[in-house]
Amino acid sequence: MNLDRAYRLLAAFYTVMLIIGVIALLAGGGTLLSPVYLLVGALAVIGLWGYTLKRRFMNPRMWRPLAGILAVGIVLQLVVMLTTPLSSVLLTWMLTSSIFSVMLVIMLYHYGDRDQPLWATEEEHTAAQQLDALLTSNSSLTAVTSDGARENSVKVTKSNSGYQASVTRRSQEGQERFVERFRYPETLVFFLEKFTSVTVNDFKRSNALDDRGSSTAEA
C-alpha cells in the first residue's frame, strides 16, 4: 500500500465516522455539544480530503487554526484520561480517538501551508511558469512599480532551496526593506502581486529594457 492510498483510506474512515455521528444525532443521541463536534469534524474531513486529493478547499488560513483547536481537544482528552476514572470501553475509545486525531492535526497543519502549488489559481500557475522560465535564463530579475506616492522595487532570485524576493518600499515617510523566501514560484507570484503590485509582465518589460540596453552598448 502506497502513502497516497493510505491517506485516501484514512479520509474515507473519518468520513464514515462523521456519517455515523450524524445518524446518531438525528436518532436522538449525543449531547448539546454534539452538533459543534460534528461541525468541527466536518470541516476537518473536508481539509483531510483536500490534503489527500491535493485540491484547494476554502481558505488556507483557516486550516492551521483548526488544527490548533483539534490539538487542544487532544490535550484535554489526555487530561481527562489521566485524572478521571473511566471505564475500559470509554478509555479505549478516547485513546483511539486521540491517536487518530494526532494524524489529522498533522495533515491539516501541512494542508494550511500557503507555500504550495495547490492553493494557486490558474492565472498564478501560468505566471509562475513564465517567471520560472525567466529565472532559468537570468540570475536575477528586477522590477520597479509606483503606486501613487509609494515606489516598490523588487529583486527576485532562484536557488536550489527555492525563491527569494528582496523588496524595497520607498515613500515620503521613509524606506522599508525586507526579504521573503518561498519554495514554489506560485507562492512567489501570489506574494508579489498582492503585497508589491509587481507582476511577471513587469519583470518581462524590465528584462527587455536591460537586453536592449546591453545591445546598444555593444553596438
N, C-alpha and C. Protein backbone atom coordinates (compact mmCIF):
# COMPACT_ATOMS: atom_id res chain seq x y z
N MET A 1 0.84 -1.20 0.00
CA MET A 1 0.00 0.00 0.00
C MET A 1 0.88 1.25 0.00
N ASN A 2 0.66 2.15 -0.98
CA ASN A 2 1.45 3.37 -1.01
C ASN A 2 0.83 4.42 -0.10
N LEU A 3 1.56 5.52 0.08
CA LEU A 3 1.14 6.55 1.02
C LEU A 3 -0.15 7.22 0.57
N ASP A 4 -0.29 7.44 -0.73
CA ASP A 4 -1.48 8.10 -1.24
C ASP A 4 -2.73 7.28 -0.95
N ARG A 5 -2.64 5.98 -1.13
CA ARG A 5 -3.79 5.12 -0.85
C ARG A 5 -4.10 5.10 0.64
N ALA A 6 -3.06 5.13 1.46
CA ALA A 6 -3.28 5.16 2.91
C ALA A 6 -4.01 6.43 3.33
N TYR A 7 -3.64 7.57 2.72
CA TYR A 7 -4.34 8.83 3.01
C TYR A 7 -5.80 8.75 2.60
N ARG A 8 -6.06 8.14 1.46
CA ARG A 8 -7.44 8.02 0.99
C ARG A 8 -8.28 7.15 1.92
N LEU A 9 -7.68 6.06 2.39
CA LEU A 9 -8.39 5.18 3.32
C LEU A 9 -8.65 5.90 4.64
N LEU A 10 -7.68 6.69 5.09
CA LEU A 10 -7.87 7.44 6.33
C LEU A 10 -8.98 8.47 6.18
N ALA A 11 -8.99 9.16 5.03
CA ALA A 11 -10.05 10.14 4.79
C ALA A 11 -11.41 9.46 4.71
N ALA A 12 -11.46 8.29 4.08
CA ALA A 12 -12.71 7.54 4.00
C ALA A 12 -13.17 7.10 5.39
N PHE A 13 -12.22 6.70 6.23
CA PHE A 13 -12.56 6.28 7.60
C PHE A 13 -13.18 7.44 8.38
N TYR A 14 -12.56 8.61 8.30
CA TYR A 14 -13.10 9.77 9.01
C TYR A 14 -14.47 10.16 8.45
N THR A 15 -14.65 10.01 7.15
CA THR A 15 -15.94 10.34 6.54
C THR A 15 -17.04 9.41 7.07
N VAL A 16 -16.72 8.12 7.15
CA VAL A 16 -17.69 7.16 7.68
C VAL A 16 -18.02 7.48 9.14
N MET A 17 -17.00 7.81 9.92
CA MET A 17 -17.23 8.16 11.33
C MET A 17 -18.13 9.39 11.45
N LEU A 18 -17.93 10.35 10.55
CA LEU A 18 -18.76 11.55 10.56
C LEU A 18 -20.21 11.21 10.22
N ILE A 19 -20.40 10.36 9.23
CA ILE A 19 -21.75 9.96 8.84
C ILE A 19 -22.45 9.23 9.99
N ILE A 20 -21.70 8.36 10.67
CA ILE A 20 -22.27 7.64 11.82
C ILE A 20 -22.69 8.63 12.91
N GLY A 21 -21.86 9.65 13.12
CA GLY A 21 -22.20 10.66 14.12
C GLY A 21 -23.45 11.43 13.77
N VAL A 22 -23.61 11.77 12.49
CA VAL A 22 -24.81 12.49 12.05
C VAL A 22 -26.05 11.62 12.24
N ILE A 23 -25.94 10.35 11.87
CA ILE A 23 -27.08 9.43 12.04
C ILE A 23 -27.46 9.30 13.51
N ALA A 24 -26.45 9.18 14.37
CA ALA A 24 -26.72 9.07 15.80
C ALA A 24 -27.39 10.33 16.34
N LEU A 25 -26.96 11.49 15.84
CA LEU A 25 -27.56 12.75 16.29
C LEU A 25 -29.01 12.86 15.83
N LEU A 26 -29.28 12.47 14.60
CA LEU A 26 -30.65 12.51 14.09
C LEU A 26 -31.56 11.52 14.80
N ALA A 27 -30.95 10.45 15.32
CA ALA A 27 -31.73 9.44 16.04
C ALA A 27 -32.00 9.84 17.49
N GLY A 28 -31.50 11.00 17.88
CA GLY A 28 -31.75 11.47 19.23
C GLY A 28 -30.62 11.25 20.20
N GLY A 29 -29.50 10.76 19.72
CA GLY A 29 -28.36 10.54 20.60
C GLY A 29 -27.49 11.77 20.71
N GLY A 30 -26.44 11.66 21.50
CA GLY A 30 -25.49 12.76 21.65
C GLY A 30 -25.87 13.74 22.73
N THR A 31 -25.05 14.77 22.86
CA THR A 31 -25.25 15.80 23.87
C THR A 31 -25.49 17.15 23.18
N LEU A 32 -25.59 18.20 23.99
CA LEU A 32 -25.80 19.53 23.43
C LEU A 32 -24.60 19.99 22.60
N LEU A 33 -23.43 19.46 22.93
CA LEU A 33 -22.22 19.85 22.20
C LEU A 33 -21.97 19.00 20.95
N SER A 34 -22.79 17.98 20.75
CA SER A 34 -22.59 17.09 19.61
C SER A 34 -22.63 17.82 18.27
N PRO A 35 -23.57 18.76 18.05
CA PRO A 35 -23.55 19.49 16.77
C PRO A 35 -22.25 20.26 16.54
N VAL A 36 -21.68 20.80 17.63
CA VAL A 36 -20.41 21.52 17.50
C VAL A 36 -19.30 20.55 17.10
N TYR A 37 -19.27 19.39 17.76
CA TYR A 37 -18.26 18.39 17.43
C TYR A 37 -18.39 17.94 15.97
N LEU A 38 -19.63 17.76 15.53
CA LEU A 38 -19.85 17.31 14.16
C LEU A 38 -19.44 18.39 13.16
N LEU A 39 -19.70 19.65 13.50
CA LEU A 39 -19.31 20.74 12.60
C LEU A 39 -17.79 20.81 12.46
N VAL A 40 -17.10 20.75 13.60
CA VAL A 40 -15.63 20.76 13.55
C VAL A 40 -15.11 19.53 12.81
N GLY A 41 -15.75 18.39 13.07
CA GLY A 41 -15.35 17.17 12.39
C GLY A 41 -15.57 17.24 10.89
N ALA A 42 -16.69 17.86 10.48
CA ALA A 42 -16.97 18.00 9.05
C ALA A 42 -15.92 18.88 8.37
N LEU A 43 -15.55 19.98 9.02
CA LEU A 43 -14.51 20.85 8.46
C LEU A 43 -13.18 20.10 8.36
N ALA A 44 -12.88 19.32 9.40
CA ALA A 44 -11.62 18.57 9.40
C ALA A 44 -11.60 17.54 8.27
N VAL A 45 -12.73 16.89 8.04
CA VAL A 45 -12.81 15.89 6.96
C VAL A 45 -12.64 16.56 5.60
N ILE A 46 -13.23 17.74 5.43
CA ILE A 46 -13.06 18.47 4.17
C ILE A 46 -11.58 18.79 3.94
N GLY A 47 -10.92 19.27 5.00
CA GLY A 47 -9.50 19.56 4.88
C GLY A 47 -8.67 18.32 4.61
N LEU A 48 -9.06 17.22 5.22
CA LEU A 48 -8.33 15.96 5.02
C LEU A 48 -8.45 15.49 3.57
N TRP A 49 -9.65 15.59 3.02
CA TRP A 49 -9.82 15.22 1.61
C TRP A 49 -9.05 16.18 0.70
N GLY A 50 -9.03 17.46 1.06
CA GLY A 50 -8.26 18.42 0.27
C GLY A 50 -6.78 18.09 0.28
N TYR A 51 -6.26 17.72 1.44
CA TYR A 51 -4.85 17.34 1.56
C TYR A 51 -4.57 16.07 0.77
N THR A 52 -5.49 15.12 0.85
CA THR A 52 -5.30 13.83 0.19
C THR A 52 -5.35 13.96 -1.33
N LEU A 53 -6.31 14.74 -1.82
CA LEU A 53 -6.51 14.88 -3.26
C LEU A 53 -5.71 16.03 -3.86
N LYS A 54 -5.01 16.79 -3.01
CA LYS A 54 -4.24 17.96 -3.46
C LYS A 54 -5.16 18.97 -4.15
N ARG A 55 -6.31 19.20 -3.53
CA ARG A 55 -7.27 20.17 -4.04
C ARG A 55 -7.44 21.30 -3.03
N ARG A 56 -7.79 22.47 -3.53
CA ARG A 56 -7.99 23.61 -2.65
C ARG A 56 -9.45 23.68 -2.21
N PHE A 57 -9.65 23.71 -0.91
CA PHE A 57 -10.96 23.87 -0.32
C PHE A 57 -10.91 25.03 0.67
N MET A 58 -11.85 25.96 0.50
CA MET A 58 -11.96 27.12 1.39
C MET A 58 -10.67 27.94 1.36
N ASN A 59 -10.28 28.47 2.52
CA ASN A 59 -9.13 29.38 2.58
C ASN A 59 -7.98 28.72 3.33
N PRO A 60 -6.75 28.82 2.84
CA PRO A 60 -5.63 28.16 3.54
C PRO A 60 -5.40 28.69 4.95
N ARG A 61 -5.85 29.92 5.22
CA ARG A 61 -5.60 30.50 6.55
C ARG A 61 -6.45 29.87 7.65
N MET A 62 -7.47 29.09 7.29
CA MET A 62 -8.35 28.53 8.32
C MET A 62 -7.88 27.17 8.82
N TRP A 63 -7.03 26.49 8.05
CA TRP A 63 -6.74 25.09 8.39
C TRP A 63 -5.77 24.95 9.55
N ARG A 64 -4.80 25.81 9.66
CA ARG A 64 -3.87 25.69 10.80
C ARG A 64 -4.54 26.06 12.12
N PRO A 65 -5.37 27.11 12.18
CA PRO A 65 -6.12 27.34 13.42
C PRO A 65 -7.03 26.16 13.78
N LEU A 66 -7.63 25.53 12.77
CA LEU A 66 -8.46 24.36 13.04
C LEU A 66 -7.61 23.22 13.60
N ALA A 67 -6.42 23.05 13.04
CA ALA A 67 -5.51 22.03 13.56
C ALA A 67 -5.15 22.33 15.01
N GLY A 68 -5.00 23.62 15.33
CA GLY A 68 -4.71 24.01 16.71
C GLY A 68 -5.86 23.68 17.65
N ILE A 69 -7.09 23.91 17.19
CA ILE A 69 -8.26 23.58 18.00
C ILE A 69 -8.32 22.08 18.28
N LEU A 70 -8.06 21.29 17.25
CA LEU A 70 -8.07 19.84 17.43
C LEU A 70 -6.95 19.40 18.38
N ALA A 71 -5.80 20.05 18.29
CA ALA A 71 -4.69 19.71 19.19
C ALA A 71 -5.05 20.00 20.64
N VAL A 72 -5.73 21.12 20.87
CA VAL A 72 -6.19 21.44 22.23
C VAL A 72 -7.18 20.38 22.71
N GLY A 73 -8.05 19.93 21.81
CA GLY A 73 -9.00 18.88 22.17
C GLY A 73 -8.30 17.59 22.57
N ILE A 74 -7.22 17.26 21.86
CA ILE A 74 -6.46 16.06 22.20
C ILE A 74 -5.86 16.17 23.59
N VAL A 75 -5.29 17.34 23.89
CA VAL A 75 -4.69 17.55 25.21
C VAL A 75 -5.74 17.43 26.30
N LEU A 76 -6.91 18.01 26.07
CA LEU A 76 -7.99 17.93 27.07
C LEU A 76 -8.43 16.49 27.29
N GLN A 77 -8.49 15.72 26.21
CA GLN A 77 -8.86 14.31 26.34
C GLN A 77 -7.83 13.55 27.16
N LEU A 78 -6.56 13.84 26.92
CA LEU A 78 -5.50 13.17 27.67
C LEU A 78 -5.56 13.54 29.15
N VAL A 79 -5.87 14.81 29.43
CA VAL A 79 -6.01 15.23 30.83
C VAL A 79 -7.15 14.48 31.51
N VAL A 80 -8.26 14.35 30.80
CA VAL A 80 -9.41 13.62 31.35
C VAL A 80 -9.04 12.16 31.61
N MET A 81 -8.33 11.55 30.66
CA MET A 81 -7.95 10.14 30.83
C MET A 81 -7.00 9.94 32.01
N LEU A 82 -6.17 10.93 32.28
CA LEU A 82 -5.19 10.80 33.35
C LEU A 82 -5.74 11.17 34.73
N THR A 83 -6.79 11.97 34.74
CA THR A 83 -7.28 12.48 36.03
C THR A 83 -8.65 11.96 36.43
N THR A 84 -9.33 11.28 35.52
CA THR A 84 -10.70 10.83 35.81
C THR A 84 -10.80 9.32 35.66
N PRO A 85 -11.41 8.64 36.63
CA PRO A 85 -11.61 7.19 36.49
C PRO A 85 -12.63 6.89 35.39
N LEU A 86 -12.22 6.13 34.40
CA LEU A 86 -13.08 5.83 33.26
C LEU A 86 -13.21 4.32 33.09
N SER A 87 -14.30 3.93 32.47
CA SER A 87 -14.47 2.51 32.16
C SER A 87 -13.47 2.12 31.08
N SER A 88 -13.19 0.85 30.98
CA SER A 88 -12.21 0.38 29.99
C SER A 88 -12.67 0.68 28.57
N VAL A 89 -13.98 0.58 28.33
CA VAL A 89 -14.51 0.86 26.99
C VAL A 89 -14.32 2.33 26.63
N LEU A 90 -14.70 3.22 27.56
CA LEU A 90 -14.56 4.65 27.29
C LEU A 90 -13.10 5.06 27.18
N LEU A 91 -12.25 4.46 28.01
CA LEU A 91 -10.83 4.78 27.96
C LEU A 91 -10.23 4.36 26.61
N THR A 92 -10.62 3.17 26.15
CA THR A 92 -10.13 2.69 24.85
C THR A 92 -10.60 3.60 23.72
N TRP A 93 -11.86 4.02 23.79
CA TRP A 93 -12.42 4.88 22.74
C TRP A 93 -11.70 6.22 22.71
N MET A 94 -11.48 6.82 23.87
CA MET A 94 -10.84 8.13 23.94
C MET A 94 -9.38 8.05 23.49
N LEU A 95 -8.70 6.97 23.87
CA LEU A 95 -7.31 6.81 23.47
C LEU A 95 -7.19 6.63 21.96
N THR A 96 -8.08 5.81 21.40
CA THR A 96 -8.08 5.61 19.95
C THR A 96 -8.40 6.90 19.21
N SER A 97 -9.37 7.64 19.74
CA SER A 97 -9.75 8.91 19.14
C SER A 97 -8.59 9.89 19.15
N SER A 98 -7.85 9.93 20.24
CA SER A 98 -6.72 10.85 20.35
C SER A 98 -5.62 10.48 19.36
N ILE A 99 -5.36 9.19 19.21
CA ILE A 99 -4.31 8.74 18.29
C ILE A 99 -4.65 9.13 16.85
N PHE A 100 -5.89 8.87 16.44
CA PHE A 100 -6.29 9.23 15.08
C PHE A 100 -6.33 10.74 14.89
N SER A 101 -6.67 11.47 15.94
CA SER A 101 -6.74 12.93 15.84
C SER A 101 -5.36 13.54 15.66
N VAL A 102 -4.34 12.91 16.24
CA VAL A 102 -2.97 13.42 16.06
C VAL A 102 -2.60 13.41 14.59
N MET A 103 -2.92 12.34 13.89
CA MET A 103 -2.64 12.26 12.46
C MET A 103 -3.40 13.34 11.70
N LEU A 104 -4.65 13.56 12.12
CA LEU A 104 -5.47 14.57 11.46
C LEU A 104 -4.89 15.97 11.67
N VAL A 105 -4.43 16.25 12.88
CA VAL A 105 -3.83 17.56 13.18
C VAL A 105 -2.61 17.81 12.30
N ILE A 106 -1.75 16.81 12.18
CA ILE A 106 -0.54 16.96 11.38
C ILE A 106 -0.88 17.23 9.92
N MET A 107 -1.84 16.49 9.39
CA MET A 107 -2.20 16.64 7.98
C MET A 107 -2.86 17.98 7.72
N LEU A 108 -3.73 18.43 8.62
CA LEU A 108 -4.37 19.73 8.45
C LEU A 108 -3.36 20.87 8.57
N TYR A 109 -2.37 20.69 9.45
CA TYR A 109 -1.34 21.71 9.60
C TYR A 109 -0.55 21.87 8.30
N HIS A 110 -0.19 20.77 7.68
CA HIS A 110 0.53 20.83 6.41
C HIS A 110 -0.38 21.35 5.29
N TYR A 111 -1.64 21.00 5.34
CA TYR A 111 -2.58 21.46 4.32
C TYR A 111 -2.73 22.98 4.36
N GLY A 112 -2.61 23.56 5.55
CA GLY A 112 -2.76 25.00 5.70
C GLY A 112 -1.54 25.81 5.31
N ASP A 113 -0.49 25.15 4.86
CA ASP A 113 0.71 25.86 4.42
C ASP A 113 0.43 26.54 3.08
N ARG A 114 0.48 27.86 3.04
CA ARG A 114 0.17 28.60 1.80
C ARG A 114 1.23 28.38 0.73
N ASP A 115 2.43 28.02 1.12
CA ASP A 115 3.52 27.89 0.16
C ASP A 115 3.51 26.50 -0.48
N GLN A 116 2.48 26.24 -1.28
CA GLN A 116 2.40 25.03 -2.07
C GLN A 116 1.48 25.28 -3.27
N PRO A 117 1.76 24.63 -4.40
CA PRO A 117 1.05 24.96 -5.64
C PRO A 117 -0.45 24.75 -5.61
N LEU A 118 -0.95 23.87 -4.74
CA LEU A 118 -2.38 23.57 -4.78
C LEU A 118 -3.26 24.77 -4.46
N TRP A 119 -2.71 25.78 -3.76
CA TRP A 119 -3.50 26.96 -3.42
C TRP A 119 -3.47 28.02 -4.52
N ALA A 120 -2.70 27.80 -5.56
CA ALA A 120 -2.58 28.79 -6.62
C ALA A 120 -3.75 28.70 -7.60
N THR A 121 -4.11 29.85 -8.16
CA THR A 121 -5.13 29.89 -9.20
C THR A 121 -4.49 29.52 -10.54
N GLU A 122 -5.33 29.34 -11.56
CA GLU A 122 -4.80 29.03 -12.88
C GLU A 122 -3.91 30.16 -13.39
N GLU A 123 -4.32 31.40 -13.11
CA GLU A 123 -3.51 32.54 -13.54
C GLU A 123 -2.16 32.54 -12.85
N GLU A 124 -2.14 32.18 -11.57
CA GLU A 124 -0.88 32.14 -10.83
C GLU A 124 0.01 31.00 -11.32
N HIS A 125 -0.59 29.87 -11.69
CA HIS A 125 0.19 28.77 -12.26
C HIS A 125 0.88 29.21 -13.55
N THR A 126 0.11 29.88 -14.40
CA THR A 126 0.67 30.34 -15.68
C THR A 126 1.78 31.36 -15.46
N ALA A 127 1.51 32.33 -14.58
CA ALA A 127 2.52 33.35 -14.29
C ALA A 127 3.76 32.74 -13.65
N ALA A 128 3.57 31.72 -12.82
CA ALA A 128 4.71 31.06 -12.16
C ALA A 128 5.60 30.37 -13.18
N GLN A 129 5.00 29.73 -14.17
CA GLN A 129 5.79 29.08 -15.22
C GLN A 129 6.61 30.10 -16.00
N GLN A 130 6.00 31.24 -16.30
CA GLN A 130 6.71 32.28 -17.03
C GLN A 130 7.85 32.86 -16.19
N LEU A 131 7.58 33.09 -14.91
CA LEU A 131 8.61 33.65 -14.03
C LEU A 131 9.76 32.66 -13.85
N ASP A 132 9.44 31.39 -13.71
CA ASP A 132 10.48 30.37 -13.55
C ASP A 132 11.34 30.28 -14.80
N ALA A 133 10.72 30.43 -15.97
CA ALA A 133 11.48 30.40 -17.23
C ALA A 133 12.42 31.60 -17.31
N LEU A 134 11.96 32.76 -16.86
CA LEU A 134 12.82 33.95 -16.87
C LEU A 134 14.00 33.78 -15.92
N LEU A 135 13.74 33.18 -14.76
CA LEU A 135 14.82 32.99 -13.78
C LEU A 135 15.80 31.90 -14.21
N THR A 136 15.36 31.03 -15.09
CA THR A 136 16.26 30.00 -15.61
C THR A 136 17.33 30.60 -16.51
N SER A 137 16.94 31.64 -17.24
CA SER A 137 17.88 32.28 -18.17
C SER A 137 18.51 33.55 -17.59
N ASN A 138 18.09 33.95 -16.40
CA ASN A 138 18.65 35.15 -15.76
C ASN A 138 18.95 34.84 -14.29
N SER A 139 20.10 35.29 -13.82
CA SER A 139 20.47 35.03 -12.43
C SER A 139 19.56 35.76 -11.45
N SER A 140 19.03 36.90 -11.88
CA SER A 140 18.12 37.67 -11.05
C SER A 140 17.24 38.54 -11.93
N LEU A 141 16.10 38.93 -11.38
CA LEU A 141 15.17 39.81 -12.09
C LEU A 141 14.82 40.97 -11.18
N THR A 142 14.68 42.14 -11.78
CA THR A 142 14.34 43.34 -11.01
C THR A 142 13.20 44.08 -11.69
N ALA A 143 12.28 44.57 -10.87
CA ALA A 143 11.17 45.37 -11.39
C ALA A 143 10.84 46.47 -10.40
N VAL A 144 10.39 47.59 -10.93
CA VAL A 144 10.03 48.73 -10.10
C VAL A 144 8.63 49.19 -10.50
N THR A 145 7.76 49.36 -9.52
CA THR A 145 6.42 49.87 -9.77
C THR A 145 6.14 51.03 -8.82
N SER A 146 5.27 51.91 -9.25
CA SER A 146 4.89 53.07 -8.43
C SER A 146 3.39 53.04 -8.20
N ASP A 147 3.02 53.28 -6.96
CA ASP A 147 1.61 53.32 -6.58
C ASP A 147 1.36 54.64 -5.85
N GLY A 148 1.09 55.68 -6.62
CA GLY A 148 0.91 56.98 -6.02
C GLY A 148 2.23 57.52 -5.50
N ALA A 149 2.28 57.76 -4.20
CA ALA A 149 3.50 58.31 -3.59
C ALA A 149 4.46 57.23 -3.14
N ARG A 150 4.12 55.96 -3.39
CA ARG A 150 4.98 54.87 -2.94
C ARG A 150 5.57 54.12 -4.12
N GLU A 151 6.84 53.77 -4.00
CA GLU A 151 7.54 53.03 -5.04
C GLU A 151 7.99 51.68 -4.49
N ASN A 152 7.73 50.63 -5.25
CA ASN A 152 8.15 49.28 -4.86
C ASN A 152 9.22 48.78 -5.82
N SER A 153 10.36 48.41 -5.26
CA SER A 153 11.45 47.83 -6.04
C SER A 153 11.65 46.39 -5.57
N VAL A 154 11.59 45.45 -6.52
CA VAL A 154 11.66 44.03 -6.17
C VAL A 154 12.76 43.36 -6.97
N LYS A 155 13.59 42.60 -6.27
CA LYS A 155 14.62 41.78 -6.91
C LYS A 155 14.35 40.32 -6.57
N VAL A 156 14.24 39.49 -7.59
CA VAL A 156 13.89 38.08 -7.41
C VAL A 156 15.05 37.21 -7.87
N THR A 157 15.39 36.21 -7.07
CA THR A 157 16.44 35.26 -7.42
C THR A 157 15.95 33.83 -7.17
N LYS A 158 16.64 32.89 -7.81
CA LYS A 158 16.30 31.48 -7.67
C LYS A 158 17.54 30.70 -7.25
N SER A 159 17.34 29.76 -6.31
CA SER A 159 18.45 28.91 -5.86
C SER A 159 17.93 27.49 -5.70
N ASN A 160 18.81 26.60 -5.27
CA ASN A 160 18.40 25.21 -5.07
C ASN A 160 17.37 25.06 -3.96
N SER A 161 17.38 25.98 -3.01
CA SER A 161 16.45 25.90 -1.88
C SER A 161 15.11 26.58 -2.15
N GLY A 162 14.99 27.29 -3.28
CA GLY A 162 13.73 27.93 -3.60
C GLY A 162 13.91 29.30 -4.23
N TYR A 163 13.02 30.21 -3.87
CA TYR A 163 12.98 31.54 -4.48
C TYR A 163 13.06 32.61 -3.40
N GLN A 164 13.69 33.71 -3.74
CA GLN A 164 13.84 34.81 -2.79
C GLN A 164 13.42 36.12 -3.43
N ALA A 165 12.64 36.89 -2.69
CA ALA A 165 12.21 38.22 -3.15
C ALA A 165 12.73 39.26 -2.17
N SER A 166 13.56 40.17 -2.67
CA SER A 166 14.07 41.28 -1.86
C SER A 166 13.28 42.53 -2.25
N VAL A 167 12.56 43.08 -1.30
CA VAL A 167 11.64 44.18 -1.57
C VAL A 167 12.12 45.45 -0.89
N THR A 168 12.08 46.55 -1.63
CA THR A 168 12.38 47.87 -1.08
C THR A 168 11.20 48.79 -1.36
N ARG A 169 10.63 49.34 -0.31
CA ARG A 169 9.50 50.26 -0.45
C ARG A 169 9.94 51.66 -0.07
N ARG A 170 9.70 52.60 -0.96
CA ARG A 170 10.07 53.99 -0.70
C ARG A 170 8.81 54.86 -0.73
N SER A 171 8.71 55.72 0.26
CA SER A 171 7.59 56.66 0.33
C SER A 171 8.05 57.92 1.02
N GLN A 172 7.15 58.85 1.20
CA GLN A 172 7.51 60.10 1.87
C GLN A 172 7.89 59.87 3.32
N GLU A 173 7.36 58.80 3.91
CA GLU A 173 7.67 58.50 5.31
C GLU A 173 9.05 57.88 5.50
N GLY A 174 9.61 57.34 4.42
CA GLY A 174 10.92 56.71 4.54
C GLY A 174 11.05 55.50 3.64
N GLN A 175 11.96 54.62 4.00
CA GLN A 175 12.26 53.45 3.19
C GLN A 175 12.18 52.18 4.04
N GLU A 176 11.63 51.14 3.46
CA GLU A 176 11.47 49.85 4.15
C GLU A 176 12.03 48.74 3.27
N ARG A 177 12.81 47.86 3.89
CA ARG A 177 13.38 46.73 3.16
C ARG A 177 13.07 45.43 3.90
N PHE A 178 12.75 44.39 3.14
CA PHE A 178 12.55 43.08 3.73
C PHE A 178 12.74 42.00 2.67
N VAL A 179 12.96 40.79 3.14
CA VAL A 179 13.22 39.65 2.25
C VAL A 179 12.24 38.53 2.60
N GLU A 180 11.67 37.92 1.58
CA GLU A 180 10.78 36.77 1.76
C GLU A 180 11.29 35.61 0.91
N ARG A 181 11.16 34.40 1.45
CA ARG A 181 11.62 33.20 0.73
C ARG A 181 10.45 32.23 0.54
N PHE A 182 10.46 31.57 -0.60
CA PHE A 182 9.38 30.65 -0.94
C PHE A 182 9.96 29.39 -1.59
N ARG A 183 9.24 28.31 -1.43
CA ARG A 183 9.67 27.06 -2.05
C ARG A 183 9.15 26.93 -3.48
N TYR A 184 8.03 27.57 -3.77
CA TYR A 184 7.39 27.39 -5.08
C TYR A 184 7.15 28.75 -5.75
N PRO A 185 7.27 28.79 -7.08
CA PRO A 185 7.08 30.06 -7.79
C PRO A 185 5.64 30.56 -7.72
N GLU A 186 4.68 29.64 -7.57
CA GLU A 186 3.28 30.06 -7.47
C GLU A 186 3.06 30.96 -6.26
N THR A 187 3.67 30.59 -5.15
CA THR A 187 3.54 31.41 -3.94
C THR A 187 4.26 32.73 -4.09
N LEU A 188 5.38 32.71 -4.78
CA LEU A 188 6.12 33.94 -5.05
C LEU A 188 5.27 34.90 -5.88
N VAL A 189 4.62 34.39 -6.91
CA VAL A 189 3.75 35.22 -7.74
C VAL A 189 2.61 35.81 -6.92
N PHE A 190 1.99 34.98 -6.08
CA PHE A 190 0.91 35.46 -5.21
C PHE A 190 1.39 36.59 -4.31
N PHE A 191 2.55 36.40 -3.70
CA PHE A 191 3.10 37.42 -2.80
C PHE A 191 3.39 38.72 -3.54
N LEU A 192 4.03 38.61 -4.69
CA LEU A 192 4.42 39.81 -5.43
C LEU A 192 3.20 40.62 -5.86
N GLU A 193 2.19 39.93 -6.38
CA GLU A 193 1.01 40.64 -6.87
C GLU A 193 0.21 41.27 -5.73
N LYS A 194 0.14 40.57 -4.61
CA LYS A 194 -0.70 41.07 -3.51
C LYS A 194 -0.02 42.14 -2.68
N PHE A 195 1.28 41.97 -2.42
CA PHE A 195 1.95 42.86 -1.47
C PHE A 195 2.88 43.89 -2.11
N THR A 196 3.19 43.73 -3.39
CA THR A 196 4.07 44.71 -4.03
C THR A 196 3.50 45.25 -5.34
N SER A 197 2.38 44.68 -5.79
CA SER A 197 1.75 45.09 -7.06
C SER A 197 2.67 44.86 -8.26
N VAL A 198 3.62 43.95 -8.13
CA VAL A 198 4.53 43.61 -9.22
C VAL A 198 4.05 42.32 -9.87
N THR A 199 3.98 42.32 -11.20
CA THR A 199 3.56 41.14 -11.95
C THR A 199 4.71 40.62 -12.80
N VAL A 200 4.49 39.46 -13.40
CA VAL A 200 5.51 38.89 -14.28
C VAL A 200 5.77 39.80 -15.47
N ASN A 201 4.74 40.47 -15.94
CA ASN A 201 4.91 41.39 -17.08
C ASN A 201 5.88 42.52 -16.74
N ASP A 202 5.89 42.95 -15.48
CA ASP A 202 6.84 43.99 -15.07
C ASP A 202 8.28 43.49 -15.20
N PHE A 203 8.50 42.23 -14.82
CA PHE A 203 9.84 41.65 -14.97
C PHE A 203 10.20 41.49 -16.45
N LYS A 204 9.21 41.12 -17.26
CA LYS A 204 9.47 40.97 -18.69
C LYS A 204 9.88 42.30 -19.31
N ARG A 205 9.16 43.37 -18.96
CA ARG A 205 9.48 44.68 -19.52
C ARG A 205 10.86 45.13 -19.06
N SER A 206 11.14 44.94 -17.77
CA SER A 206 12.44 45.34 -17.25
C SER A 206 13.57 44.53 -17.89
N ASN A 207 13.33 43.24 -18.09
CA ASN A 207 14.35 42.39 -18.70
C ASN A 207 14.58 42.76 -20.16
N ALA A 208 13.49 43.11 -20.85
CA ALA A 208 13.61 43.52 -22.26
C ALA A 208 14.39 44.83 -22.37
N LEU A 209 14.15 45.76 -21.45
CA LEU A 209 14.89 47.02 -21.47
C LEU A 209 16.37 46.79 -21.19
N ASP A 210 16.67 45.87 -20.26
CA ASP A 210 18.07 45.56 -19.96
C ASP A 210 18.77 44.95 -21.18
N ASP A 211 18.07 44.04 -21.86
CA ASP A 211 18.65 43.41 -23.05
C ASP A 211 18.88 44.45 -24.15
N ARG A 212 17.92 45.37 -24.29
CA ARG A 212 18.04 46.40 -25.32
C ARG A 212 19.20 47.33 -25.00
N GLY A 213 19.35 47.63 -23.70
CA GLY A 213 20.46 48.49 -23.29
C GLY A 213 21.80 47.83 -23.52
N SER A 214 21.87 46.52 -23.26
CA SER A 214 23.12 45.79 -23.47
C SER A 214 23.48 45.75 -24.94
N SER A 215 22.46 45.55 -25.80
CA SER A 215 22.71 45.51 -27.24
C SER A 215 23.20 46.85 -27.76
N THR A 216 22.62 47.93 -27.23
CA THR A 216 23.02 49.28 -27.65
C THR A 216 24.45 49.57 -27.23
N ALA A 217 24.80 49.14 -26.01
CA ALA A 217 26.15 49.38 -25.50
C ALA A 217 27.18 48.62 -26.33
N GLU A 218 26.85 47.39 -26.72
CA GLU A 218 27.78 46.59 -27.52
C GLU A 218 27.96 47.19 -28.91
N ALA A 219 26.86 47.76 -29.44
CA ALA A 219 26.94 48.38 -30.77
C ALA A 219 27.80 49.64 -30.71
